[in-house]
Structures are given as structure tokens and as C-alpha cells.
Amino acid sequence: AVSGDITLDSADDIIIDSEDGNFIYKKNGTQFSPTNSAYAGMILGYTKIQNDQTGASDSIITIGTSMTVLQSVEGTNASIAFVAPPSGNVEIIFSAYVAGSSKTVYFALSDNATFNEVGETTTYDNGSHFMDETDRNIVTIPFVLTGLTAGTSYTYYVGANASGASAYIYHGRFRATGKHYAPITIKAIALPATITTGE
């Protein structure tokens, strides 16, 4: 305990290691971080997939009628890797520019590059994005995972299918013109030990 400022100035790493996984921020004795979860909101992993090729179809991922892990023409899977936080609770947020005509697109989480459903509640097969005419929209899809083992490395994949052939995701460079679509992004965010849930 000190009465003045504390400065940590290291020429090397600064390591904060809690054996019980509790991290607490307080102001004058009052905890203002989520209970024992000051790491909540930390970005645990991030993926950006952005075409930079010049072929006419290089920026397009076709979404067919079977649930399949999304993969770019260059062979990059829509995936996210991270180490689970002390809470074991993580939000995965997928974002992409989706196009189609009179289609519903369904997104789901997989634990394998060959689609394997993580669970019923992370497979949005009642609809994730509906296009009632010819539409193009940036779509953001959240997945919430709980009960992960703290300190364990995980990799998850995003799969998709459409109500009919076909819908599309556009990303990155549009041919050789220098024009670009938004990239596909996936991020994993640490959630607090206690989250509010309901029905």
C-alpha cells in the first residue's frame, strides 16, 4: 500500500499472473470492473480475410445450400484462434459483406475445418440474414460460448449455407481496379465470469 503514484517501467516484459484467475480493478476500494473479471472486453484473437488478387472471382465466396465452413478462393478458412480467459466465456463476432437475391443465409459455428456443429444454440438455422430482393449488406453475427476451459487454446470456424443457390460474400480487392469491399473479420472477446442470461 502506498499513498502516491506507482510507476512500472520495465525494459522487458511485464507479467501479471493470478493463480486463481481473479483480476480486479477498484477505485478507492470499490470494484468497478465486472466481478473478478477486469480482463473482460479483452480481444483474445482477431482474423482479417481480405482478397488482394486480381482475378474476377477472387473476391467472392459462394454460399451454397449445404452448411460448409467459409473459405476464400486463396484457401483461407473463416476461423479464429484464441486462449480461453479465466471466465471460460467468450463472444465470437463474425462480420462480412453478404449479397444475394431473395435468400435467407444461415451461419453456424464449427470446431473443425470440415463443418462440425459446435452446438444447437450456435447454429442459426432459423435464419441469420434475410434478403427480400437483390441486397448487399455488411452482416454481423455473434456467437456466445460458455464453459470453455481457462488457459486452453481453441480454434473455431464459421460455416454458412443459403436457402437456395446461391448467396455470396465479397471481400477485399475488386479485380485490379484498386476498389475494395470490406474484409471478412472475426474477433474473440473475453466475457466476465458472470453474464446476464434470460429467455
C-alpha atoms as a PDB file:
ATOM      1  CA  ALA A   1       0.000   0.000   0.000  1.00  0.00           C
ATOM      2  CA  VAL A   2       1.350   3.413  -0.981  1.00  0.00           C
ATOM      3  CA  SER A   3      -0.048   6.933  -0.770  1.00  0.00           C
ATOM      4  CA  GLY A   4       1.362   8.196  -4.073  1.00  0.00           C
ATOM      5  CA  ASP A   5       1.598   7.098  -7.689  1.00  0.00           C
ATOM      6  CA  ILE A   6       3.079   3.761  -8.708  1.00  0.00           C
ATOM      7  CA  THR A   7       5.016   3.579 -11.958  1.00  0.00           C
ATOM      8  CA  LEU A   8       6.001   0.297 -13.592  1.00  0.00           C
ATOM      9  CA  ASP A   9       8.768   0.857 -16.104  1.00  0.00           C
ATOM     10  CA  SER A  10      10.367  -2.281 -17.486  1.00  0.00           C
ATOM     11  CA  ALA A  11      12.950  -2.765 -20.214  1.00  0.00           C
ATOM     12  CA  ASP A  12      11.371  -6.187 -20.766  1.00  0.00           C
ATOM     13  CA  ASP A  13       8.028  -7.909 -20.264  1.00  0.00           C
ATOM     14  CA  ILE A  14       5.555  -7.016 -17.528  1.00  0.00           C
ATOM     15  CA  ILE A  15       3.749 -10.150 -16.402  1.00  0.00           C
ATOM     16  CA  ILE A  16       0.626 -10.212 -14.241  1.00  0.00           C
ATOM     17  CA  ASP A  17      -0.150 -13.742 -13.132  1.00  0.00           C
ATOM     18  CA  SER A  18      -3.085 -14.628 -10.858  1.00  0.00           C
ATOM     19  CA  GLU A  19      -3.220 -18.257  -9.722  1.00  0.00           C
ATOM     20  CA  ASP A  20      -6.984 -18.165  -9.117  1.00  0.00           C
ATOM     21  CA  GLY A  21      -7.708 -16.166 -12.307  1.00  0.00           C
ATOM     22  CA  ASN A  22      -9.300 -13.235 -10.474  1.00  0.00           C
ATOM     23  CA  PHE A  23      -8.350  -9.797 -11.833  1.00  0.00           C
ATOM     24  CA  ILE A  24      -9.877  -6.784 -10.074  1.00  0.00           C
ATOM     25  CA  TYR A  25      -9.907  -3.047 -10.769  1.00  0.00           C
ATOM     26  CA  LYS A  26     -11.015  -0.762  -7.918  1.00  0.00           C
ATOM     27  CA  LYS A  27     -11.440   2.940  -7.213  1.00  0.00           C
ATOM     28  CA  ASN A  28     -10.998   3.825  -3.563  1.00  0.00           C
ATOM     29  CA  GLY A  29     -11.863   0.282  -2.511  1.00  0.00           C
ATOM     30  CA  THR A  30     -14.880  -0.178  -4.807  1.00  0.00           C
ATOM     31  CA  GLN A  31     -14.580  -2.695  -7.605  1.00  0.00           C
ATOM     32  CA  PHE A  32     -15.802  -1.217 -10.889  1.00  0.00           C
ATOM     33  CA  SER A  33     -14.675  -3.980 -13.223  1.00  0.00           C
ATOM     34  CA  PRO A  34     -17.083  -6.903 -13.673  1.00  0.00           C
ATOM     35  CA  THR A  35     -16.686  -9.045 -10.555  1.00  0.00           C
ATOM     36  CA  ASN A  36     -13.179 -10.542 -10.552  1.00  0.00           C
ATOM     37  CA  SER A  37     -13.066 -10.083 -14.343  1.00  0.00           C
ATOM     38  CA  ALA A  38     -11.044  -6.981 -15.199  1.00  0.00           C
ATOM     39  CA  TYR A  39      -9.907  -8.780 -18.371  1.00  0.00           C
ATOM     40  CA  ALA A  40     -13.495  -8.675 -19.749  1.00  0.00           C
ATOM     41  CA  GLY A  41     -13.552  -6.952 -23.130  1.00  0.00           C
ATOM     42  CA  MET A  42     -10.015  -8.050 -23.978  1.00  0.00           C
ATOM     43  CA  ILE A  43      -9.648  -9.109 -27.617  1.00  0.00           C
ATOM     44  CA  LEU A  44      -8.296 -12.660 -27.409  1.00  0.00           C
ATOM     45  CA  GLY A  45      -7.935 -13.227 -31.141  1.00  0.00           C
ATOM     46  CA  TYR A  46      -8.589 -11.473 -34.431  1.00  0.00           C
ATOM     47  CA  THR A  47      -8.871 -12.592 -38.061  1.00  0.00           C
ATOM     48  CA  LYS A  48      -8.981 -10.432 -41.196  1.00  0.00           C
ATOM     49  CA  ILE A  49      -9.543 -12.042 -44.601  1.00  0.00           C
ATOM     50  CA  GLN A  50      -9.155  -9.561 -47.440  1.00  0.00           C
ATOM     51  CA  ASN A  51      -8.628 -10.590 -51.055  1.00  0.00           C
ATOM     52  CA  ASP A  52      -5.707  -8.909 -52.820  1.00  0.00           C
ATOM     53  CA  GLN A  53      -5.774 -10.873 -56.085  1.00  0.00           C
ATOM     54  CA  THR A  54      -6.813  -9.531 -59.484  1.00  0.00           C
ATOM     55  CA  GLY A  55      -8.988 -12.324 -60.851  1.00  0.00           C
ATOM     56  CA  ALA A  56     -12.665 -11.621 -61.480  1.00  0.00           C
ATOM     57  CA  SER A  57     -13.841 -14.197 -58.925  1.00  0.00           C
ATOM     58  CA  ASP A  58     -11.028 -13.978 -56.361  1.00  0.00           C
ATOM     59  CA  SER A  59     -13.043 -11.744 -54.033  1.00  0.00           C
ATOM     60  CA  ILE A  60     -16.128 -13.981 -53.994  1.00  0.00           C
ATOM     61  CA  ILE A  61     -17.066 -16.801 -51.629  1.00  0.00           C
ATOM     62  CA  THR A  62     -20.133 -18.684 -52.834  1.00  0.00           C
ATOM     63  CA  ILE A  63     -22.572 -19.813 -50.151  1.00  0.00           C
ATOM     64  CA  GLY A  64     -24.335 -22.981 -51.261  1.00  0.00           C
ATOM     65  CA  THR A  65     -27.244 -24.910 -49.802  1.00  0.00           C
ATOM     66  CA  SER A  66     -25.163 -27.212 -47.556  1.00  0.00           C
ATOM     67  CA  MET A  67     -23.642 -25.933 -44.315  1.00  0.00           C
ATOM     68  CA  THR A  68     -19.932 -25.541 -45.103  1.00  0.00           C
ATOM     69  CA  VAL A  69     -17.029 -23.720 -43.460  1.00  0.00           C
ATOM     70  CA  LEU A  70     -16.417 -20.498 -45.371  1.00  0.00           C
ATOM     71  CA  GLN A  71     -13.157 -20.490 -47.313  1.00  0.00           C
ATOM     72  CA  SER A  72     -11.688 -17.871 -49.636  1.00  0.00           C
ATOM     73  CA  VAL A  73     -10.563 -18.648 -53.194  1.00  0.00           C
ATOM     74  CA  GLU A  74      -6.989 -18.449 -51.866  1.00  0.00           C
ATOM     75  CA  GLY A  75      -7.777 -21.193 -49.329  1.00  0.00           C
ATOM     76  CA  THR A  76      -8.107 -19.187 -46.109  1.00  0.00           C
ATOM     77  CA  ASN A  77     -10.731 -20.557 -43.729  1.00  0.00           C
ATOM     78  CA  ALA A  78     -13.005 -18.202 -41.822  1.00  0.00           C
ATOM     79  CA  SER A  79     -11.580 -19.146 -38.425  1.00  0.00           C
ATOM     80  CA  ILE A  80     -10.496 -17.653 -35.111  1.00  0.00           C
ATOM     81  CA  ALA A  81      -7.883 -18.942 -32.660  1.00  0.00           C
ATOM     82  CA  PHE A  82      -7.580 -17.866 -29.031  1.00  0.00           C
ATOM     83  CA  VAL A  83      -6.785 -18.969 -25.483  1.00  0.00           C
ATOM     84  CA  ALA A  84      -9.829 -19.098 -23.193  1.00  0.00           C
ATOM     85  CA  PRO A  85      -9.870 -16.453 -20.411  1.00  0.00           C
ATOM     86  CA  PRO A  86     -10.317 -17.270 -16.705  1.00  0.00           C
ATOM     87  CA  SER A  87     -14.112 -16.967 -17.028  1.00  0.00           C
ATOM     88  CA  GLY A  88     -14.337 -19.547 -19.809  1.00  0.00           C
ATOM     89  CA  ASN A  89     -16.811 -17.202 -21.501  1.00  0.00           C
ATOM     90  CA  VAL A  90     -16.110 -15.783 -24.965  1.00  0.00           C
ATOM     91  CA  GLU A  91     -18.046 -13.881 -27.618  1.00  0.00           C
ATOM     92  CA  ILE A  92     -17.095 -14.519 -31.236  1.00  0.00           C
ATOM     93  CA  ILE A  93     -18.206 -11.812 -33.667  1.00  0.00           C
ATOM     94  CA  PHE A  94     -18.218 -12.508 -37.414  1.00  0.00           C
ATOM     95  CA  SER A  95     -18.656  -9.707 -39.951  1.00  0.00           C
ATOM     96  CA  ALA A  96     -18.853  -9.903 -43.750  1.00  0.00           C
ATOM     97  CA  TYR A  97     -20.359  -8.244 -46.830  1.00  0.00           C
ATOM     98  CA  VAL A  98     -23.174 -10.589 -47.903  1.00  0.00           C
ATOM     99  CA  ALA A  99     -25.024 -10.455 -51.227  1.00  0.00           C
ATOM    100  CA  GLY A 100     -27.947 -12.345 -52.699  1.00  0.00           C
ATOM    101  CA  SER A 101     -31.423 -12.179 -54.121  1.00  0.00           C
ATOM    102  CA  SER A 102     -34.476 -13.426 -52.217  1.00  0.00           C
ATOM    103  CA  LYS A 103     -32.397 -15.644 -49.971  1.00  0.00           C
ATOM    104  CA  THR A 104     -32.010 -16.432 -46.303  1.00  0.00           C
ATOM    105  CA  VAL A 105     -28.457 -17.089 -45.157  1.00  0.00           C
ATOM    106  CA  TYR A 106     -27.728 -19.217 -42.112  1.00  0.00           C
ATOM    107  CA  PHE A 107     -24.486 -19.028 -40.111  1.00  0.00           C
ATOM    108  CA  ALA A 108     -23.094 -21.519 -37.630  1.00  0.00           C
ATOM    109  CA  LEU A 109     -20.012 -22.214 -35.548  1.00  0.00           C
ATOM    110  CA  SER A 110     -17.840 -25.259 -36.203  1.00  0.00           C
ATOM    111  CA  ASP A 111     -14.986 -26.781 -34.216  1.00  0.00           C
ATOM    112  CA  ASN A 112     -13.397 -28.286 -37.335  1.00  0.00           C
ATOM    113  CA  ALA A 113     -12.367 -27.069 -40.801  1.00  0.00           C
ATOM    114  CA  THR A 114     -14.763 -29.700 -42.128  1.00  0.00           C
ATOM    115  CA  PHE A 115     -18.043 -28.408 -40.737  1.00  0.00           C
ATOM    116  CA  ASN A 116     -18.894 -29.936 -37.375  1.00  0.00           C
ATOM    117  CA  GLU A 117     -21.645 -28.253 -35.372  1.00  0.00           C
ATOM    118  CA  VAL A 118     -20.459 -26.886 -32.019  1.00  0.00           C
ATOM    119  CA  GLY A 119     -23.979 -26.938 -30.633  1.00  0.00           C
ATOM    120  CA  GLU A 120     -27.608 -26.317 -31.401  1.00  0.00           C
ATOM    121  CA  THR A 121     -27.521 -22.814 -29.944  1.00  0.00           C
ATOM    122  CA  THR A 122     -24.634 -21.677 -32.175  1.00  0.00           C
ATOM    123  CA  THR A 123     -26.265 -22.935 -35.374  1.00  0.00           C
ATOM    124  CA  TYR A 124     -28.641 -20.240 -36.566  1.00  0.00           C
ATOM    125  CA  ASP A 125     -30.638 -22.457 -38.907  1.00  0.00           C
ATOM    126  CA  ASN A 126     -33.819 -20.489 -38.435  1.00  0.00           C
ATOM    127  CA  GLY A 127     -32.173 -17.586 -40.247  1.00  0.00           C
ATOM    128  CA  SER A 128     -29.313 -15.165 -39.741  1.00  0.00           C
ATOM    129  CA  HIS A 129     -29.777 -12.744 -42.639  1.00  0.00           C
ATOM    130  CA  PHE A 130     -32.761 -12.383 -44.974  1.00  0.00           C
ATOM    131  CA  MET A 131     -32.657 -10.664 -48.369  1.00  0.00           C
ATOM    132  CA  ASP A 132     -36.152  -9.990 -49.712  1.00  0.00           C
ATOM    133  CA  GLU A 133     -34.816  -8.749 -53.052  1.00  0.00           C
ATOM    134  CA  THR A 134     -31.359  -8.160 -54.518  1.00  0.00           C
ATOM    135  CA  ASP A 135     -29.462  -6.913 -51.475  1.00  0.00           C
ATOM    136  CA  ARG A 136     -25.894  -6.358 -50.339  1.00  0.00           C
ATOM    137  CA  ASN A 137     -25.253  -5.702 -46.652  1.00  0.00           C
ATOM    138  CA  ILE A 138     -22.499  -5.899 -44.101  1.00  0.00           C
ATOM    139  CA  VAL A 139     -23.750  -8.576 -41.721  1.00  0.00           C
ATOM    140  CA  THR A 140     -22.583  -9.036 -38.131  1.00  0.00           C
ATOM    141  CA  ILE A 141     -23.232 -12.371 -36.432  1.00  0.00           C
ATOM    142  CA  PRO A 142     -22.488 -13.000 -32.705  1.00  0.00           C
ATOM    143  CA  PHE A 143     -21.793 -16.354 -31.089  1.00  0.00           C
ATOM    144  CA  VAL A 144     -21.518 -16.721 -27.290  1.00  0.00           C
ATOM    145  CA  LEU A 145     -19.549 -19.622 -25.828  1.00  0.00           C
ATOM    146  CA  THR A 146     -19.549 -20.537 -22.145  1.00  0.00           C
ATOM    147  CA  GLY A 147     -17.876 -23.289 -20.139  1.00  0.00           C
ATOM    148  CA  LEU A 148     -14.570 -23.207 -22.008  1.00  0.00           C
ATOM    149  CA  THR A 149     -11.510 -24.360 -20.087  1.00  0.00           C
ATOM    150  CA  ALA A 150      -9.422 -21.380 -18.976  1.00  0.00           C
ATOM    151  CA  GLY A 151      -5.929 -21.359 -20.458  1.00  0.00           C
ATOM    152  CA  THR A 152      -6.819 -23.820 -23.229  1.00  0.00           C
ATOM    153  CA  SER A 153      -6.244 -22.963 -26.903  1.00  0.00           C
ATOM    154  CA  TYR A 154      -9.310 -23.146 -29.155  1.00  0.00           C
ATOM    155  CA  THR A 155      -9.930 -22.699 -32.871  1.00  0.00           C
ATOM    156  CA  TYR A 156     -13.429 -22.186 -34.238  1.00  0.00           C
ATOM    157  CA  TYR A 157     -14.666 -21.868 -37.806  1.00  0.00           C
ATOM    158  CA  VAL A 158     -17.655 -20.040 -39.288  1.00  0.00           C
ATOM    159  CA  GLY A 159     -19.896 -22.003 -41.616  1.00  0.00           C
ATOM    160  CA  ALA A 160     -22.800 -20.866 -43.753  1.00  0.00           C
ATOM    161  CA  ASN A 161     -25.484 -22.051 -46.111  1.00  0.00           C
ATOM    162  CA  ALA A 162     -28.330 -20.418 -48.018  1.00  0.00           C
ATOM    163  CA  SER A 163     -31.993 -21.186 -48.623  1.00  0.00           C
ATOM    164  CA  GLY A 164     -31.279 -21.524 -52.330  1.00  0.00           C
ATOM    165  CA  ALA A 165     -28.422 -21.325 -54.781  1.00  0.00           C
ATOM    166  CA  SER A 166     -26.664 -19.031 -54.243  1.00  0.00           C
ATOM    167  CA  ALA A 167     -25.656 -16.233 -51.915  1.00  0.00           C
ATOM    168  CA  TYR A 168     -22.216 -14.649 -51.842  1.00  0.00           C
ATOM    169  CA  ILE A 169     -19.654 -12.983 -49.635  1.00  0.00           C
ATOM    170  CA  TYR A 170     -17.485 -10.319 -51.264  1.00  0.00           C
ATOM    171  CA  HIS A 171     -14.225  -9.283 -49.615  1.00  0.00           C
ATOM    172  CA  GLY A 172     -11.174  -7.209 -50.397  1.00  0.00           C
ATOM    173  CA  ARG A 173      -9.926  -6.145 -53.825  1.00  0.00           C
ATOM    174  CA  PHE A 174     -12.357  -5.995 -56.740  1.00  0.00           C
ATOM    175  CA  ARG A 175     -10.219  -7.196 -59.628  1.00  0.00           C
ATOM    176  CA  ALA A 176      -7.348  -4.858 -60.488  1.00  0.00           C
ATOM    177  CA  THR A 177      -9.158  -1.527 -60.183  1.00  0.00           C
ATOM    178  CA  GLY A 178      -7.986  -0.677 -56.671  1.00  0.00           C
ATOM    179  CA  LYS A 179     -11.572  -0.693 -55.373  1.00  0.00           C
ATOM    180  CA  HIS A 180     -12.230  -2.803 -52.288  1.00  0.00           C
ATOM    181  CA  TYR A 181     -15.045  -4.492 -50.423  1.00  0.00           C
ATOM    182  CA  ALA A 182     -14.898  -4.654 -46.630  1.00  0.00           C
ATOM    183  CA  PRO A 183     -12.778  -7.515 -45.284  1.00  0.00           C
ATOM    184  CA  ILE A 184     -14.203 -10.525 -43.504  1.00  0.00           C
ATOM    185  CA  THR A 185     -13.397 -10.085 -39.820  1.00  0.00           C
ATOM    186  CA  ILE A 186     -13.735 -12.421 -36.852  1.00  0.00           C
ATOM    187  CA  LYS A 187     -12.841 -11.497 -33.295  1.00  0.00           C
ATOM    188  CA  ALA A 188     -12.951 -13.310 -29.978  1.00  0.00           C
ATOM    189  CA  ILE A 189     -13.713 -11.166 -26.928  1.00  0.00           C
ATOM    190  CA  ALA A 190     -13.316 -12.199 -23.292  1.00  0.00           C
ATOM    191  CA  LEU A 191     -16.556 -12.049 -21.288  1.00  0.00           C
ATOM    192  CA  PRO A 192     -16.827 -11.694 -17.493  1.00  0.00           C
ATOM    193  CA  ALA A 193     -17.184 -14.650 -15.159  1.00  0.00           C
ATOM    194  CA  THR A 194     -20.870 -13.772 -14.655  1.00  0.00           C
ATOM    195  CA  ILE A 195     -23.039 -12.764 -17.603  1.00  0.00           C
ATOM    196  CA  THR A 196     -26.739 -11.938 -17.582  1.00  0.00           C
ATOM    197  CA  THR A 197     -28.846 -14.513 -19.409  1.00  0.00           C
ATOM    198  CA  GLY A 198     -32.562 -14.918 -19.941  1.00  0.00           C
ATOM    199  CA  GLU A 199     -35.298 -16.196 -22.195  1.00  0.00           C
END
